[in-house]
Protein backbone atom coordinates (compact mmCIF):
# COMPACT_ATOMS: atom_id res chain seq x y z
CA UNK A 1 0.00 0.00 0.00
CA UNK A 2 2.85 2.36 0.85
CA UNK A 3 4.53 1.72 -2.53
CA UNK A 4 1.37 2.61 -4.43
CA UNK A 5 0.86 5.78 -2.40
CA UNK A 6 4.48 6.86 -2.98
CA UNK A 7 4.14 6.14 -6.70
CA UNK A 8 0.97 8.26 -6.91
CA UNK A 9 2.64 11.03 -4.92
CA UNK A 10 5.68 10.92 -7.22
CA UNK A 11 3.50 11.15 -10.33
CA UNK A 12 1.55 14.04 -8.82
CA UNK A 13 4.79 15.85 -7.94
CA UNK A 14 6.08 15.38 -11.48
CA UNK A 15 2.85 16.74 -12.99
CA UNK A 16 2.92 19.67 -10.56
CA UNK A 17 6.53 20.46 -11.52
CA UNK A 18 5.69 20.25 -15.21
CA UNK A 19 2.72 22.59 -14.84
CA UNK A 20 4.81 24.98 -12.75
CA UNK A 21 7.48 25.10 -15.47
CA UNK A 22 4.83 25.85 -18.09
CA UNK A 23 3.48 28.67 -15.93
CA UNK A 24 6.87 30.07 -14.85
CA UNK A 25 8.38 30.22 -18.34
CA UNK A 26 5.04 31.18 -20.01
CA UNK A 27 5.37 28.26 -22.39
CA UNK A 28 1.70 28.27 -23.31
CA UNK A 29 1.84 31.93 -24.36
CA UNK A 30 5.05 31.37 -26.32
CA UNK A 31 3.46 28.40 -28.06
CA UNK A 32 0.44 30.48 -29.03
CA UNK A 33 2.54 33.46 -30.19
CA UNK A 34 5.33 31.69 -32.08
CA UNK A 35 3.65 28.53 -33.41
CA UNK A 36 -0.15 28.58 -33.29
CA UNK A 37 -0.85 32.19 -34.35
CA UNK A 38 1.44 32.16 -37.43
CA UNK A 39 -0.11 28.86 -38.51
CA UNK A 40 -3.62 30.29 -38.15
CA UNK A 41 -2.67 33.51 -39.97
CA UNK A 42 -1.20 31.49 -42.84
CA UNK A 43 -4.27 29.26 -42.97
CA UNK A 44 -6.85 32.04 -42.94
CA UNK A 45 -4.92 34.35 -45.30
CA UNK A 46 -4.88 31.62 -47.93
CA UNK A 47 -8.63 30.93 -47.74
CA UNK A 48 -10.73 31.58 -50.83
CA UNK A 49 -13.26 34.29 -50.11
CA UNK A 50 -16.09 35.82 -52.06
CA UNK A 51 -15.37 39.38 -53.20
CA UNK A 52 -17.88 41.52 -51.32
CA UNK A 53 -17.19 44.58 -53.49
CA UNK A 54 -18.79 42.95 -56.54
CA UNK A 55 -22.09 42.33 -54.75
CA UNK A 56 -24.74 44.93 -55.68
CA UNK A 57 -26.11 46.99 -52.85
CA UNK A 58 -29.88 47.10 -52.67
CA UNK A 59 -31.87 48.97 -50.07
CA UNK A 60 -34.87 47.21 -48.64
CA UNK A 61 -38.15 48.87 -49.37
CA UNK A 62 -41.22 49.00 -47.17
CA UNK A 63 -39.29 48.70 -43.94
CA UNK A 64 -41.47 49.76 -41.07
CA UNK A 65 -39.88 51.90 -38.40
CA UNK A 66 -41.42 51.81 -35.00
C-alpha atoms as a PDB file:
ATOM      1  CA  UNK A   1       0.000   0.000   0.000  1.00  0.00           C
ATOM      2  CA  UNK A   2       2.851   2.356   0.847  1.00  0.00           C
ATOM      3  CA  UNK A   3       4.528   1.717  -2.526  1.00  0.00           C
ATOM      4  CA  UNK A   4       1.371   2.613  -4.429  1.00  0.00           C
ATOM      5  CA  UNK A   5       0.863   5.777  -2.402  1.00  0.00           C
ATOM      6  CA  UNK A   6       4.482   6.862  -2.980  1.00  0.00           C
ATOM      7  CA  UNK A   7       4.139   6.143  -6.700  1.00  0.00           C
ATOM      8  CA  UNK A   8       0.971   8.255  -6.907  1.00  0.00           C
ATOM      9  CA  UNK A   9       2.641  11.028  -4.918  1.00  0.00           C
ATOM     10  CA  UNK A  10       5.679  10.919  -7.224  1.00  0.00           C
ATOM     11  CA  UNK A  11       3.502  11.148 -10.331  1.00  0.00           C
ATOM     12  CA  UNK A  12       1.547  14.035  -8.822  1.00  0.00           C
ATOM     13  CA  UNK A  13       4.785  15.855  -7.937  1.00  0.00           C
ATOM     14  CA  UNK A  14       6.083  15.383 -11.480  1.00  0.00           C
ATOM     15  CA  UNK A  15       2.849  16.744 -12.993  1.00  0.00           C
ATOM     16  CA  UNK A  16       2.923  19.675 -10.557  1.00  0.00           C
ATOM     17  CA  UNK A  17       6.532  20.465 -11.516  1.00  0.00           C
ATOM     18  CA  UNK A  18       5.695  20.246 -15.208  1.00  0.00           C
ATOM     19  CA  UNK A  19       2.720  22.589 -14.844  1.00  0.00           C
ATOM     20  CA  UNK A  20       4.807  24.984 -12.748  1.00  0.00           C
ATOM     21  CA  UNK A  21       7.482  25.100 -15.466  1.00  0.00           C
ATOM     22  CA  UNK A  22       4.834  25.850 -18.088  1.00  0.00           C
ATOM     23  CA  UNK A  23       3.481  28.670 -15.934  1.00  0.00           C
ATOM     24  CA  UNK A  24       6.873  30.073 -14.853  1.00  0.00           C
ATOM     25  CA  UNK A  25       8.381  30.220 -18.344  1.00  0.00           C
ATOM     26  CA  UNK A  26       5.044  31.178 -20.007  1.00  0.00           C
ATOM     27  CA  UNK A  27       5.374  28.256 -22.386  1.00  0.00           C
ATOM     28  CA  UNK A  28       1.700  28.274 -23.314  1.00  0.00           C
ATOM     29  CA  UNK A  29       1.842  31.934 -24.363  1.00  0.00           C
ATOM     30  CA  UNK A  30       5.049  31.367 -26.320  1.00  0.00           C
ATOM     31  CA  UNK A  31       3.463  28.398 -28.064  1.00  0.00           C
ATOM     32  CA  UNK A  32       0.437  30.480 -29.029  1.00  0.00           C
ATOM     33  CA  UNK A  33       2.536  33.455 -30.192  1.00  0.00           C
ATOM     34  CA  UNK A  34       5.334  31.689 -32.081  1.00  0.00           C
ATOM     35  CA  UNK A  35       3.648  28.532 -33.408  1.00  0.00           C
ATOM     36  CA  UNK A  36      -0.147  28.583 -33.288  1.00  0.00           C
ATOM     37  CA  UNK A  37      -0.850  32.186 -34.345  1.00  0.00           C
ATOM     38  CA  UNK A  38       1.438  32.160 -37.435  1.00  0.00           C
ATOM     39  CA  UNK A  39      -0.110  28.855 -38.512  1.00  0.00           C
ATOM     40  CA  UNK A  40      -3.621  30.288 -38.148  1.00  0.00           C
ATOM     41  CA  UNK A  41      -2.668  33.506 -39.974  1.00  0.00           C
ATOM     42  CA  UNK A  42      -1.195  31.491 -42.842  1.00  0.00           C
ATOM     43  CA  UNK A  43      -4.271  29.258 -42.966  1.00  0.00           C
ATOM     44  CA  UNK A  44      -6.853  32.041 -42.936  1.00  0.00           C
ATOM     45  CA  UNK A  45      -4.915  34.349 -45.297  1.00  0.00           C
ATOM     46  CA  UNK A  46      -4.879  31.620 -47.927  1.00  0.00           C
ATOM     47  CA  UNK A  47      -8.626  30.926 -47.743  1.00  0.00           C
ATOM     48  CA  UNK A  48     -10.733  31.579 -50.833  1.00  0.00           C
ATOM     49  CA  UNK A  49     -13.260  34.292 -50.108  1.00  0.00           C
ATOM     50  CA  UNK A  50     -16.094  35.815 -52.061  1.00  0.00           C
ATOM     51  CA  UNK A  51     -15.370  39.377 -53.203  1.00  0.00           C
ATOM     52  CA  UNK A  52     -17.883  41.523 -51.323  1.00  0.00           C
ATOM     53  CA  UNK A  53     -17.194  44.578 -53.486  1.00  0.00           C
ATOM     54  CA  UNK A  54     -18.789  42.948 -56.539  1.00  0.00           C
ATOM     55  CA  UNK A  55     -22.087  42.328 -54.754  1.00  0.00           C
ATOM     56  CA  UNK A  56     -24.740  44.927 -55.681  1.00  0.00           C
ATOM     57  CA  UNK A  57     -26.106  46.993 -52.847  1.00  0.00           C
ATOM     58  CA  UNK A  58     -29.884  47.098 -52.675  1.00  0.00           C
ATOM     59  CA  UNK A  59     -31.866  48.971 -50.075  1.00  0.00           C
ATOM     60  CA  UNK A  60     -34.865  47.211 -48.638  1.00  0.00           C
ATOM     61  CA  UNK A  61     -38.155  48.868 -49.369  1.00  0.00           C
ATOM     62  CA  UNK A  62     -41.221  48.995 -47.171  1.00  0.00           C
ATOM     63  CA  UNK A  63     -39.285  48.704 -43.942  1.00  0.00           C
ATOM     64  CA  UNK A  64     -41.472  49.756 -41.073  1.00  0.00           C
ATOM     65  CA  UNK A  65     -39.880  51.904 -38.399  1.00  0.00           C
ATOM     66  CA  UNK A  66     -41.423  51.806 -35.004  1.00  0.00           C
END
